[in-house]
Amino acid sequence: WQPYVVFPGEFVQPPERVVHELPQDGGGA
């Protein structure tokens, strides 16, 4: 698993933790 905590980025410190997209490789091996 690659965990992602789902939460509004405006409340996150440091802001470098925030992502808005996931890798788009289609779930390859």
mmCIF file of all heavy atoms, coordinates in Angstrom:
data_MODEL
# 
_entry.id   MODEL 
# 
loop_
_atom_site.group_PDB 
_atom_site.id 
_atom_site.type_symbol 
_atom_site.label_atom_id 
_atom_site.label_alt_id 
_atom_site.label_comp_id 
_atom_site.label_asym_id 
_atom_site.label_entity_id 
_atom_site.label_seq_id 
_atom_site.pdbx_PDB_ins_code 
_atom_site.Cartn_x 
_atom_site.Cartn_y 
_atom_site.Cartn_z 
_atom_site.occupancy 
_atom_site.B_iso_or_equiv 
_atom_site.pdbx_formal_charge 
_atom_site.auth_seq_id 
_atom_site.auth_comp_id 
_atom_site.auth_asym_id 
_atom_site.auth_atom_id 
_atom_site.pdbx_PDB_model_num 
ATOM 1   N N   . TRP A 1 1  ? 0.810  -1.206 0.000   1.00 0.00 ? 1  TRP A N   1 
ATOM 2   C CA  . TRP A 1 1  ? 0.000  0.000  0.000   1.00 0.00 ? 1  TRP A CA  1 
ATOM 3   C C   . TRP A 1 1  ? 0.850  1.266  0.000   1.00 0.00 ? 1  TRP A C   1 
ATOM 4   O O   . TRP A 1 1  ? 1.892  1.329  0.649   1.00 0.00 ? 1  TRP A O   1 
ATOM 5   C CB  . TRP A 1 1  ? -0.917 0.042  1.223   1.00 0.00 ? 1  TRP A CB  1 
ATOM 6   C CG  . TRP A 1 1  ? -1.922 -1.059 1.296   1.00 0.00 ? 1  TRP A CG  1 
ATOM 7   C CD1 . TRP A 1 1  ? -1.934 -2.097 2.186   1.00 0.00 ? 1  TRP A CD1 1 
ATOM 8   C CD2 . TRP A 1 1  ? -3.059 -1.234 0.456   1.00 0.00 ? 1  TRP A CD2 1 
ATOM 9   N NE1 . TRP A 1 1  ? -3.014 -2.909 1.951   1.00 0.00 ? 1  TRP A NE1 1 
ATOM 10  C CE2 . TRP A 1 1  ? -3.722 -2.403 0.891   1.00 0.00 ? 1  TRP A CE2 1 
ATOM 11  C CE3 . TRP A 1 1  ? -3.588 -0.525 -0.625  1.00 0.00 ? 1  TRP A CE3 1 
ATOM 12  C CZ2 . TRP A 1 1  ? -4.879 -2.871 0.289   1.00 0.00 ? 1  TRP A CZ2 1 
ATOM 13  C CZ3 . TRP A 1 1  ? -4.743 -0.985 -1.230  1.00 0.00 ? 1  TRP A CZ3 1 
ATOM 14  C CH2 . TRP A 1 1  ? -5.378 -2.149 -0.777  1.00 0.00 ? 1  TRP A CH2 1 
ATOM 15  N N   . GLN A 1 2  ? 0.353  2.295  -0.680  1.00 0.00 ? 2  GLN A N   1 
ATOM 16  C CA  . GLN A 1 2  ? 0.868  3.652  -0.560  1.00 0.00 ? 2  GLN A CA  1 
ATOM 17  C C   . GLN A 1 2  ? -0.241 4.502  0.065   1.00 0.00 ? 2  GLN A C   1 
ATOM 18  O O   . GLN A 1 2  ? -1.189 4.891  -0.595  1.00 0.00 ? 2  GLN A O   1 
ATOM 19  C CB  . GLN A 1 2  ? 1.238  4.244  -1.915  1.00 0.00 ? 2  GLN A CB  1 
ATOM 20  C CG  . GLN A 1 2  ? 1.587  5.734  -1.874  1.00 0.00 ? 2  GLN A CG  1 
ATOM 21  C CD  . GLN A 1 2  ? 2.698  6.058  -0.890  1.00 0.00 ? 2  GLN A CD  1 
ATOM 22  O OE1 . GLN A 1 2  ? 3.827  5.628  -1.057  1.00 0.00 ? 2  GLN A OE1 1 
ATOM 23  N NE2 . GLN A 1 2  ? 2.377  6.807  0.163   1.00 0.00 ? 2  GLN A NE2 1 
ATOM 24  N N   . PRO A 1 3  ? -0.123 4.763  1.388   1.00 0.00 ? 3  PRO A N   1 
ATOM 25  C CA  . PRO A 1 3  ? -1.187 5.528  2.051   1.00 0.00 ? 3  PRO A CA  1 
ATOM 26  C C   . PRO A 1 3  ? -1.188 6.998  1.636   1.00 0.00 ? 3  PRO A C   1 
ATOM 27  O O   . PRO A 1 3  ? -0.137 7.614  1.454   1.00 0.00 ? 3  PRO A O   1 
ATOM 28  C CB  . PRO A 1 3  ? -0.852 5.377  3.542   1.00 0.00 ? 3  PRO A CB  1 
ATOM 29  C CG  . PRO A 1 3  ? 0.061  4.187  3.632   1.00 0.00 ? 3  PRO A CG  1 
ATOM 30  C CD  . PRO A 1 3  ? 0.848  4.215  2.349   1.00 0.00 ? 3  PRO A CD  1 
ATOM 31  N N   . TYR A 1 4  ? -2.388 7.534  1.498   1.00 0.00 ? 4  TYR A N   1 
ATOM 32  C CA  . TYR A 1 4  ? -2.616 8.959  1.295   1.00 0.00 ? 4  TYR A CA  1 
ATOM 33  C C   . TYR A 1 4  ? -3.645 9.409  2.327   1.00 0.00 ? 4  TYR A C   1 
ATOM 34  O O   . TYR A 1 4  ? -4.753 8.866  2.371   1.00 0.00 ? 4  TYR A O   1 
ATOM 35  C CB  . TYR A 1 4  ? -3.163 9.265  -0.100  1.00 0.00 ? 4  TYR A CB  1 
ATOM 36  C CG  . TYR A 1 4  ? -2.198 8.994  -1.224  1.00 0.00 ? 4  TYR A CG  1 
ATOM 37  C CD1 . TYR A 1 4  ? -2.169 7.753  -1.861  1.00 0.00 ? 4  TYR A CD1 1 
ATOM 38  C CD2 . TYR A 1 4  ? -1.327 9.984  -1.676  1.00 0.00 ? 4  TYR A CD2 1 
ATOM 39  C CE1 . TYR A 1 4  ? -1.293 7.500  -2.906  1.00 0.00 ? 4  TYR A CE1 1 
ATOM 40  C CE2 . TYR A 1 4  ? -0.439 9.743  -2.723  1.00 0.00 ? 4  TYR A CE2 1 
ATOM 41  C CZ  . TYR A 1 4  ? -0.436 8.497  -3.326  1.00 0.00 ? 4  TYR A CZ  1 
ATOM 42  O OH  . TYR A 1 4  ? 0.435  8.250  -4.365  1.00 0.00 ? 4  TYR A OH  1 
ATOM 43  N N   . VAL A 1 5  ? -3.279 10.385 3.142   1.00 0.00 ? 5  VAL A N   1 
ATOM 44  C CA  . VAL A 1 5  ? -4.235 10.973 4.076   1.00 0.00 ? 5  VAL A CA  1 
ATOM 45  C C   . VAL A 1 5  ? -5.034 12.016 3.297   1.00 0.00 ? 5  VAL A C   1 
ATOM 46  O O   . VAL A 1 5  ? -4.457 12.948 2.723   1.00 0.00 ? 5  VAL A O   1 
ATOM 47  C CB  . VAL A 1 5  ? -3.530 11.625 5.273   1.00 0.00 ? 5  VAL A CB  1 
ATOM 48  C CG1 . VAL A 1 5  ? -4.562 12.152 6.272   1.00 0.00 ? 5  VAL A CG1 1 
ATOM 49  C CG2 . VAL A 1 5  ? -2.587 10.643 5.944   1.00 0.00 ? 5  VAL A CG2 1 
ATOM 50  N N   . VAL A 1 6  ? -6.331 11.863 3.263   1.00 0.00 ? 6  VAL A N   1 
ATOM 51  C CA  . VAL A 1 6  ? -7.172 12.771 2.482   1.00 0.00 ? 6  VAL A CA  1 
ATOM 52  C C   . VAL A 1 6  ? -7.642 13.899 3.399   1.00 0.00 ? 6  VAL A C   1 
ATOM 53  O O   . VAL A 1 6  ? -8.391 13.668 4.357   1.00 0.00 ? 6  VAL A O   1 
ATOM 54  C CB  . VAL A 1 6  ? -8.364 12.031 1.866   1.00 0.00 ? 6  VAL A CB  1 
ATOM 55  C CG1 . VAL A 1 6  ? -9.175 12.967 0.985   1.00 0.00 ? 6  VAL A CG1 1 
ATOM 56  C CG2 . VAL A 1 6  ? -7.881 10.823 1.057   1.00 0.00 ? 6  VAL A CG2 1 
ATOM 57  N N   . PHE A 1 7  ? -7.182 15.123 3.093   1.00 0.00 ? 7  PHE A N   1 
ATOM 58  C CA  . PHE A 1 7  ? -7.465 16.256 3.977   1.00 0.00 ? 7  PHE A CA  1 
ATOM 59  C C   . PHE A 1 7  ? -7.197 17.545 3.208   1.00 0.00 ? 7  PHE A C   1 
ATOM 60  O O   . PHE A 1 7  ? -6.325 17.568 2.323   1.00 0.00 ? 7  PHE A O   1 
ATOM 61  C CB  . PHE A 1 7  ? -6.570 16.189 5.228   1.00 0.00 ? 7  PHE A CB  1 
ATOM 62  C CG  . PHE A 1 7  ? -7.131 16.922 6.414   1.00 0.00 ? 7  PHE A CG  1 
ATOM 63  C CD1 . PHE A 1 7  ? -8.206 16.401 7.119   1.00 0.00 ? 7  PHE A CD1 1 
ATOM 64  C CD2 . PHE A 1 7  ? -6.599 18.141 6.816   1.00 0.00 ? 7  PHE A CD2 1 
ATOM 65  C CE1 . PHE A 1 7  ? -8.724 17.074 8.210   1.00 0.00 ? 7  PHE A CE1 1 
ATOM 66  C CE2 . PHE A 1 7  ? -7.113 18.811 7.907   1.00 0.00 ? 7  PHE A CE2 1 
ATOM 67  C CZ  . PHE A 1 7  ? -8.181 18.284 8.613   1.00 0.00 ? 7  PHE A CZ  1 
ATOM 68  N N   . PRO A 1 8  ? -7.906 18.632 3.524   1.00 0.00 ? 8  PRO A N   1 
ATOM 69  C CA  . PRO A 1 8  ? -7.673 19.898 2.813   1.00 0.00 ? 8  PRO A CA  1 
ATOM 70  C C   . PRO A 1 8  ? -6.255 20.419 3.023   1.00 0.00 ? 8  PRO A C   1 
ATOM 71  O O   . PRO A 1 8  ? -5.771 20.528 4.154   1.00 0.00 ? 8  PRO A O   1 
ATOM 72  C CB  . PRO A 1 8  ? -8.702 20.849 3.439   1.00 0.00 ? 8  PRO A CB  1 
ATOM 73  C CG  . PRO A 1 8  ? -9.770 19.958 3.970   1.00 0.00 ? 8  PRO A CG  1 
ATOM 74  C CD  . PRO A 1 8  ? -9.064 18.727 4.438   1.00 0.00 ? 8  PRO A CD  1 
ATOM 75  N N   . GLY A 1 9  ? -5.577 20.743 1.921   1.00 0.00 ? 9  GLY A N   1 
ATOM 76  C CA  . GLY A 1 9  ? -4.184 21.160 1.986   1.00 0.00 ? 9  GLY A CA  1 
ATOM 77  C C   . GLY A 1 9  ? -3.950 22.449 2.723   1.00 0.00 ? 9  GLY A C   1 
ATOM 78  O O   . GLY A 1 9  ? -2.846 22.694 3.230   1.00 0.00 ? 9  GLY A O   1 
ATOM 79  N N   . GLU A 1 10 ? -4.958 23.312 2.836   1.00 0.00 ? 10 GLU A N   1 
ATOM 80  C CA  . GLU A 1 10 ? -4.776 24.599 3.505   1.00 0.00 ? 10 GLU A CA  1 
ATOM 81  C C   . GLU A 1 10 ? -4.453 24.448 4.992   1.00 0.00 ? 10 GLU A C   1 
ATOM 82  O O   . GLU A 1 10 ? -3.960 25.389 5.620   1.00 0.00 ? 10 GLU A O   1 
ATOM 83  C CB  . GLU A 1 10 ? -6.031 25.466 3.338   1.00 0.00 ? 10 GLU A CB  1 
ATOM 84  C CG  . GLU A 1 10 ? -7.286 24.841 3.953   1.00 0.00 ? 10 GLU A CG  1 
ATOM 85  C CD  . GLU A 1 10 ? -8.563 25.569 3.564   1.00 0.00 ? 10 GLU A CD  1 
ATOM 86  O OE1 . GLU A 1 10 ? -8.800 26.667 4.112   1.00 0.00 ? 10 GLU A OE1 1 
ATOM 87  O OE2 . GLU A 1 10 ? -9.311 25.039 2.722   1.00 0.00 ? 10 GLU A OE2 1 
ATOM 88  N N   . PHE A 1 11 ? -4.706 23.265 5.551   1.00 0.00 ? 11 PHE A N   1 
ATOM 89  C CA  . PHE A 1 11 ? -4.463 23.045 6.976   1.00 0.00 ? 11 PHE A CA  1 
ATOM 90  C C   . PHE A 1 11 ? -3.221 22.189 7.228   1.00 0.00 ? 11 PHE A C   1 
ATOM 91  O O   . PHE A 1 11 ? -2.991 21.749 8.362   1.00 0.00 ? 11 PHE A O   1 
ATOM 92  C CB  . PHE A 1 11 ? -5.675 22.368 7.621   1.00 0.00 ? 11 PHE A CB  1 
ATOM 93  C CG  . PHE A 1 11 ? -6.947 23.156 7.492   1.00 0.00 ? 11 PHE A CG  1 
ATOM 94  C CD1 . PHE A 1 11 ? -7.897 22.818 6.544   1.00 0.00 ? 11 PHE A CD1 1 
ATOM 95  C CD2 . PHE A 1 11 ? -7.187 24.261 8.311   1.00 0.00 ? 11 PHE A CD2 1 
ATOM 96  C CE1 . PHE A 1 11 ? -9.059 23.547 6.410   1.00 0.00 ? 11 PHE A CE1 1 
ATOM 97  C CE2 . PHE A 1 11 ? -8.349 24.992 8.195   1.00 0.00 ? 11 PHE A CE2 1 
ATOM 98  C CZ  . PHE A 1 11 ? -9.291 24.645 7.240   1.00 0.00 ? 11 PHE A CZ  1 
ATOM 99  N N   . VAL A 1 12 ? -2.424 21.943 6.206   1.00 0.00 ? 12 VAL A N   1 
ATOM 100 C CA  . VAL A 1 12 ? -1.309 20.999 6.308   1.00 0.00 ? 12 VAL A CA  1 
ATOM 101 C C   . VAL A 1 12 ? 0.020  21.745 6.403   1.00 0.00 ? 12 VAL A C   1 
ATOM 102 O O   . VAL A 1 12 ? 0.295  22.662 5.630   1.00 0.00 ? 12 VAL A O   1 
ATOM 103 C CB  . VAL A 1 12 ? -1.292 20.056 5.091   1.00 0.00 ? 12 VAL A CB  1 
ATOM 104 C CG1 . VAL A 1 12 ? -0.121 19.083 5.187   1.00 0.00 ? 12 VAL A CG1 1 
ATOM 105 C CG2 . VAL A 1 12 ? -2.608 19.293 4.982   1.00 0.00 ? 12 VAL A CG2 1 
ATOM 106 N N   . GLN A 1 13 ? 0.830  21.322 7.367   1.00 0.00 ? 13 GLN A N   1 
ATOM 107 C CA  . GLN A 1 13 ? 2.205  21.813 7.514   1.00 0.00 ? 13 GLN A CA  1 
ATOM 108 C C   . GLN A 1 13 ? 3.139  20.624 7.681   1.00 0.00 ? 13 GLN A C   1 
ATOM 109 O O   . GLN A 1 13 ? 2.840  19.710 8.444   1.00 0.00 ? 13 GLN A O   1 
ATOM 110 C CB  . GLN A 1 13 ? 2.320  22.754 8.726   1.00 0.00 ? 13 GLN A CB  1 
ATOM 111 C CG  . GLN A 1 13 ? 1.597  24.073 8.569   1.00 0.00 ? 13 GLN A CG  1 
ATOM 112 C CD  . GLN A 1 13 ? 2.199  24.936 7.472   1.00 0.00 ? 13 GLN A CD  1 
ATOM 113 O OE1 . GLN A 1 13 ? 3.400  24.830 7.177   1.00 0.00 ? 13 GLN A OE1 1 
ATOM 114 N NE2 . GLN A 1 13 ? 1.377  25.781 6.856   1.00 0.00 ? 13 GLN A NE2 1 
ATOM 115 N N   . PRO A 1 14 ? 4.270  20.613 6.970   1.00 0.00 ? 14 PRO A N   1 
ATOM 116 C CA  . PRO A 1 14 ? 4.665  21.579 5.949   1.00 0.00 ? 14 PRO A CA  1 
ATOM 117 C C   . PRO A 1 14 ? 3.887  21.365 4.657   1.00 0.00 ? 14 PRO A C   1 
ATOM 118 O O   . PRO A 1 14 ? 3.427  20.249 4.379   1.00 0.00 ? 14 PRO A O   1 
ATOM 119 C CB  . PRO A 1 14 ? 6.143  21.279 5.750   1.00 0.00 ? 14 PRO A CB  1 
ATOM 120 C CG  . PRO A 1 14 ? 6.259  19.824 6.061   1.00 0.00 ? 14 PRO A CG  1 
ATOM 121 C CD  . PRO A 1 14 ? 5.274  19.553 7.164   1.00 0.00 ? 14 PRO A CD  1 
ATOM 122 N N   . PRO A 1 15 ? 3.731  22.413 3.851   1.00 0.00 ? 15 PRO A N   1 
ATOM 123 C CA  . PRO A 1 15 ? 2.925  22.292 2.627   1.00 0.00 ? 15 PRO A CA  1 
ATOM 124 C C   . PRO A 1 15 ? 3.492  21.312 1.611   1.00 0.00 ? 15 PRO A C   1 
ATOM 125 O O   . PRO A 1 15 ? 2.774  20.878 0.708   1.00 0.00 ? 15 PRO A O   1 
ATOM 126 C CB  . PRO A 1 15 ? 2.922  23.729 2.080   1.00 0.00 ? 15 PRO A CB  1 
ATOM 127 C CG  . PRO A 1 15 ? 4.075  24.407 2.736   1.00 0.00 ? 15 PRO A CG  1 
ATOM 128 C CD  . PRO A 1 15 ? 4.233  23.772 4.067   1.00 0.00 ? 15 PRO A CD  1 
ATOM 129 N N   . GLU A 1 16 ? 4.767  20.915 1.765   1.00 0.00 ? 16 GLU A N   1 
ATOM 130 C CA  . GLU A 1 16 ? 5.370  19.962 0.831   1.00 0.00 ? 16 GLU A CA  1 
ATOM 131 C C   . GLU A 1 16 ? 4.719  18.583 0.910   1.00 0.00 ? 16 GLU A C   1 
ATOM 132 O O   . GLU A 1 16 ? 4.895  17.758 0.005   1.00 0.00 ? 16 GLU A O   1 
ATOM 133 C CB  . GLU A 1 16 ? 6.874  19.832 1.094   1.00 0.00 ? 16 GLU A CB  1 
ATOM 134 C CG  . GLU A 1 16 ? 7.690  21.065 0.741   1.00 0.00 ? 16 GLU A CG  1 
ATOM 135 C CD  . GLU A 1 16 ? 7.539  22.192 1.757   1.00 0.00 ? 16 GLU A CD  1 
ATOM 136 O OE1 . GLU A 1 16 ? 7.119  21.897 2.918   1.00 0.00 ? 16 GLU A OE1 1 
ATOM 137 O OE2 . GLU A 1 16 ? 7.828  23.353 1.403   1.00 0.00 ? 16 GLU A OE2 1 
ATOM 138 N N   . ARG A 1 17 ? 3.996  18.312 1.985   1.00 0.00 ? 17 ARG A N   1 
ATOM 139 C CA  . ARG A 1 17 ? 3.309  17.021 2.104   1.00 0.00 ? 17 ARG A CA  1 
ATOM 140 C C   . ARG A 1 17 ? 2.122  16.915 1.147   1.00 0.00 ? 17 ARG A C   1 
ATOM 141 O O   . ARG A 1 17 ? 1.658  15.807 0.854   1.00 0.00 ? 17 ARG A O   1 
ATOM 142 C CB  . ARG A 1 17 ? 2.774  16.828 3.531   1.00 0.00 ? 17 ARG A CB  1 
ATOM 143 C CG  . ARG A 1 17 ? 3.808  16.553 4.594   1.00 0.00 ? 17 ARG A CG  1 
ATOM 144 C CD  . ARG A 1 17 ? 3.112  16.355 5.933   1.00 0.00 ? 17 ARG A CD  1 
ATOM 145 N NE  . ARG A 1 17 ? 2.242  15.180 5.961   1.00 0.00 ? 17 ARG A NE  1 
ATOM 146 C CZ  . ARG A 1 17 ? 1.313  14.973 6.892   1.00 0.00 ? 17 ARG A CZ  1 
ATOM 147 N NH1 . ARG A 1 17 ? 1.101  15.872 7.832   1.00 0.00 ? 17 ARG A NH1 1 
ATOM 148 N NH2 . ARG A 1 17 ? 0.585  13.873 6.849   1.00 0.00 ? 17 ARG A NH2 1 
ATOM 149 N N   . VAL A 1 18 ? 1.617  18.034 0.673   1.00 0.00 ? 18 VAL A N   1 
ATOM 150 C CA  . VAL A 1 18 ? 0.357  18.052 -0.061  1.00 0.00 ? 18 VAL A CA  1 
ATOM 151 C C   . VAL A 1 18 ? 0.562  17.637 -1.517  1.00 0.00 ? 18 VAL A C   1 
ATOM 152 O O   . VAL A 1 18 ? 1.475  18.109 -2.194  1.00 0.00 ? 18 VAL A O   1 
ATOM 153 C CB  . VAL A 1 18 ? -0.285 19.454 -0.005  1.00 0.00 ? 18 VAL A CB  1 
ATOM 154 C CG1 . VAL A 1 18 ? -1.585 19.479 -0.818  1.00 0.00 ? 18 VAL A CG1 1 
ATOM 155 C CG2 . VAL A 1 18 ? -0.557 19.852 1.442   1.00 0.00 ? 18 VAL A CG2 1 
ATOM 156 N N   . VAL A 1 19 ? -0.296 16.733 -1.994  1.00 0.00 ? 19 VAL A N   1 
ATOM 157 C CA  . VAL A 1 19 ? -0.358 16.375 -3.406  1.00 0.00 ? 19 VAL A CA  1 
ATOM 158 C C   . VAL A 1 19 ? -1.800 16.543 -3.863  1.00 0.00 ? 19 VAL A C   1 
ATOM 159 O O   . VAL A 1 19 ? -2.737 16.448 -3.064  1.00 0.00 ? 19 VAL A O   1 
ATOM 160 C CB  . VAL A 1 19 ? 0.119  14.932 -3.661  1.00 0.00 ? 19 VAL A CB  1 
ATOM 161 C CG1 . VAL A 1 19 ? 1.569  14.762 -3.242  1.00 0.00 ? 19 VAL A CG1 1 
ATOM 162 C CG2 . VAL A 1 19 ? -0.767 13.924 -2.923  1.00 0.00 ? 19 VAL A CG2 1 
ATOM 163 N N   . HIS A 1 20 ? -1.968 16.814 -5.145  1.00 0.00 ? 20 HIS A N   1 
ATOM 164 C CA  . HIS A 1 20 ? -3.308 17.007 -5.697  1.00 0.00 ? 20 HIS A CA  1 
ATOM 165 C C   . HIS A 1 20 ? -3.658 15.956 -6.743  1.00 0.00 ? 20 HIS A C   1 
ATOM 166 O O   . HIS A 1 20 ? -4.803 15.894 -7.195  1.00 0.00 ? 20 HIS A O   1 
ATOM 167 C CB  . HIS A 1 20 ? -3.431 18.402 -6.321  1.00 0.00 ? 20 HIS A CB  1 
ATOM 168 C CG  . HIS A 1 20 ? -3.227 19.514 -5.344  1.00 0.00 ? 20 HIS A CG  1 
ATOM 169 N ND1 . HIS A 1 20 ? -4.151 19.834 -4.367  1.00 0.00 ? 20 HIS A ND1 1 
ATOM 170 C CD2 . HIS A 1 20 ? -2.189 20.379 -5.176  1.00 0.00 ? 20 HIS A CD2 1 
ATOM 171 C CE1 . HIS A 1 20 ? -3.699 20.857 -3.653  1.00 0.00 ? 20 HIS A CE1 1 
ATOM 172 N NE2 . HIS A 1 20 ? -2.508 21.196 -4.115  1.00 0.00 ? 20 HIS A NE2 1 
ATOM 173 N N   . GLU A 1 21 ? -2.686 15.127 -7.106  1.00 0.00 ? 21 GLU A N   1 
ATOM 174 C CA  . GLU A 1 21 ? -2.904 14.097 -8.105  1.00 0.00 ? 21 GLU A CA  1 
ATOM 175 C C   . GLU A 1 21 ? -2.209 12.815 -7.684  1.00 0.00 ? 21 GLU A C   1 
ATOM 176 O O   . GLU A 1 21 ? -1.327 12.829 -6.813  1.00 0.00 ? 21 GLU A O   1 
ATOM 177 C CB  . GLU A 1 21 ? -2.364 14.548 -9.469  1.00 0.00 ? 21 GLU A CB  1 
ATOM 178 C CG  . GLU A 1 21 ? -3.040 15.790 -10.028 1.00 0.00 ? 21 GLU A CG  1 
ATOM 179 C CD  . GLU A 1 21 ? -2.438 16.215 -11.343 1.00 0.00 ? 21 GLU A CD  1 
ATOM 180 O OE1 . GLU A 1 21 ? -1.368 15.673 -11.706 1.00 0.00 ? 21 GLU A OE1 1 
ATOM 181 O OE2 . GLU A 1 21 ? -3.020 17.085 -12.009 1.00 0.00 ? 21 GLU A OE2 1 
ATOM 182 N N   . LEU A 1 22 ? -2.584 11.722 -8.332  1.00 0.00 ? 22 LEU A N   1 
ATOM 183 C CA  . LEU A 1 22 ? -1.944 10.433 -8.118  1.00 0.00 ? 22 LEU A CA  1 
ATOM 184 C C   . LEU A 1 22 ? -1.173 10.046 -9.375  1.00 0.00 ? 22 LEU A C   1 
ATOM 185 O O   . LEU A 1 22 ? -1.480 10.527 -10.475 1.00 0.00 ? 22 LEU A O   1 
ATOM 186 C CB  . LEU A 1 22 ? -2.984 9.355  -7.802  1.00 0.00 ? 22 LEU A CB  1 
ATOM 187 C CG  . LEU A 1 22 ? -3.855 9.562  -6.567  1.00 0.00 ? 22 LEU A CG  1 
ATOM 188 C CD1 . LEU A 1 22 ? -4.765 8.363  -6.377  1.00 0.00 ? 22 LEU A CD1 1 
ATOM 189 C CD2 . LEU A 1 22 ? -3.010 9.792  -5.320  1.00 0.00 ? 22 LEU A CD2 1 
ATOM 190 N N   . PRO A 1 23 ? -0.174 9.178  -9.249  1.00 0.00 ? 23 PRO A N   1 
ATOM 191 C CA  . PRO A 1 23 ? 0.539  8.708  -10.446 1.00 0.00 ? 23 PRO A CA  1 
ATOM 192 C C   . PRO A 1 23 ? -0.426 8.086  -11.443 1.00 0.00 ? 23 PRO A C   1 
ATOM 193 O O   . PRO A 1 23 ? -1.315 7.315  -11.071 1.00 0.00 ? 23 PRO A O   1 
ATOM 194 C CB  . PRO A 1 23 ? 1.514  7.661  -9.888  1.00 0.00 ? 23 PRO A CB  1 
ATOM 195 C CG  . PRO A 1 23 ? 1.688  8.036  -8.452  1.00 0.00 ? 23 PRO A CG  1 
ATOM 196 C CD  . PRO A 1 23 ? 0.374  8.599  -8.005  1.00 0.00 ? 23 PRO A CD  1 
ATOM 197 N N   . GLN A 1 24 ? -0.251 8.401  -12.702 1.00 0.00 ? 24 GLN A N   1 
ATOM 198 C CA  . GLN A 1 24 ? -1.176 7.944  -13.751 1.00 0.00 ? 24 GLN A CA  1 
ATOM 199 C C   . GLN A 1 24 ? -0.545 6.837  -14.603 1.00 0.00 ? 24 GLN A C   1 
ATOM 200 O O   . GLN A 1 24 ? -0.520 6.918  -15.824 1.00 0.00 ? 24 GLN A O   1 
ATOM 201 C CB  . GLN A 1 24 ? -1.562 9.126  -14.640 1.00 0.00 ? 24 GLN A CB  1 
ATOM 202 C CG  . GLN A 1 24 ? -2.276 10.252 -13.918 1.00 0.00 ? 24 GLN A CG  1 
ATOM 203 C CD  . GLN A 1 24 ? -3.670 9.871  -13.466 1.00 0.00 ? 24 GLN A CD  1 
ATOM 204 O OE1 . GLN A 1 24 ? -4.436 9.310  -14.242 1.00 0.00 ? 24 GLN A OE1 1 
ATOM 205 N NE2 . GLN A 1 24 ? -3.995 10.138 -12.218 1.00 0.00 ? 24 GLN A NE2 1 
ATOM 206 N N   . ASP A 1 25 ? -0.033 5.793  -13.953 1.00 0.00 ? 25 ASP A N   1 
ATOM 207 C CA  . ASP A 1 25 ? 0.595  4.723  -14.729 1.00 0.00 ? 25 ASP A CA  1 
ATOM 208 C C   . ASP A 1 25 ? -0.304 3.506  -14.879 1.00 0.00 ? 25 ASP A C   1 
ATOM 209 O O   . ASP A 1 25 ? 0.139  2.446  -15.303 1.00 0.00 ? 25 ASP A O   1 
ATOM 210 C CB  . ASP A 1 25 ? 1.926  4.321  -14.098 1.00 0.00 ? 25 ASP A CB  1 
ATOM 211 C CG  . ASP A 1 25 ? 1.766  3.784  -12.665 1.00 0.00 ? 25 ASP A CG  1 
ATOM 212 O OD1 . ASP A 1 25 ? 0.622  3.651  -12.195 1.00 0.00 ? 25 ASP A OD1 1 
ATOM 213 O OD2 . ASP A 1 25 ? 2.789  3.517  -12.033 1.00 0.00 ? 25 ASP A OD2 1 
ATOM 214 N N   . GLY A 1 26 ? -1.579 3.671  -14.476 1.00 0.00 ? 26 GLY A N   1 
ATOM 215 C CA  . GLY A 1 26 ? -2.543 2.592  -14.728 1.00 0.00 ? 26 GLY A CA  1 
ATOM 216 C C   . GLY A 1 26 ? -2.388 1.371  -13.849 1.00 0.00 ? 26 GLY A C   1 
ATOM 217 O O   . GLY A 1 26 ? -2.955 0.334  -14.119 1.00 0.00 ? 26 GLY A O   1 
ATOM 218 N N   . GLY A 1 27 ? -1.623 1.461  -12.755 1.00 0.00 ? 27 GLY A N   1 
ATOM 219 C CA  . GLY A 1 27 ? -1.507 0.325  -11.854 1.00 0.00 ? 27 GLY A CA  1 
ATOM 220 C C   . GLY A 1 27 ? -0.622 -0.776 -12.384 1.00 0.00 ? 27 GLY A C   1 
ATOM 221 O O   . GLY A 1 27 ? -0.939 -1.956 -12.273 1.00 0.00 ? 27 GLY A O   1 
ATOM 222 N N   . GLY A 1 28 ? 0.509  -0.422 -12.984 1.00 0.00 ? 28 GLY A N   1 
ATOM 223 C CA  . GLY A 1 28 ? 1.408  -1.418 -13.546 1.00 0.00 ? 28 GLY A CA  1 
ATOM 224 C C   . GLY A 1 28 ? 2.112  -2.244 -12.494 1.00 0.00 ? 28 GLY A C   1 
ATOM 225 O O   . GLY A 1 28 ? 2.005  -1.998 -11.295 1.00 0.00 ? 28 GLY A O   1 
ATOM 226 N N   . ALA A 1 29 ? 2.860  -3.236 -12.956 1.00 0.00 ? 29 ALA A N   1 
ATOM 227 C CA  . ALA A 1 29 ? 3.569  -4.138 -12.046 1.00 0.00 ? 29 ALA A CA  1 
ATOM 228 C C   . ALA A 1 29 ? 4.548  -3.351 -11.181 1.00 0.00 ? 29 ALA A C   1 
ATOM 229 O O   . ALA A 1 29 ? 5.265  -2.474 -11.657 1.00 0.00 ? 29 ALA A O   1 
ATOM 230 C CB  . ALA A 1 29 ? 4.308  -5.194 -12.856 1.00 0.00 ? 29 ALA A CB  1 
# 
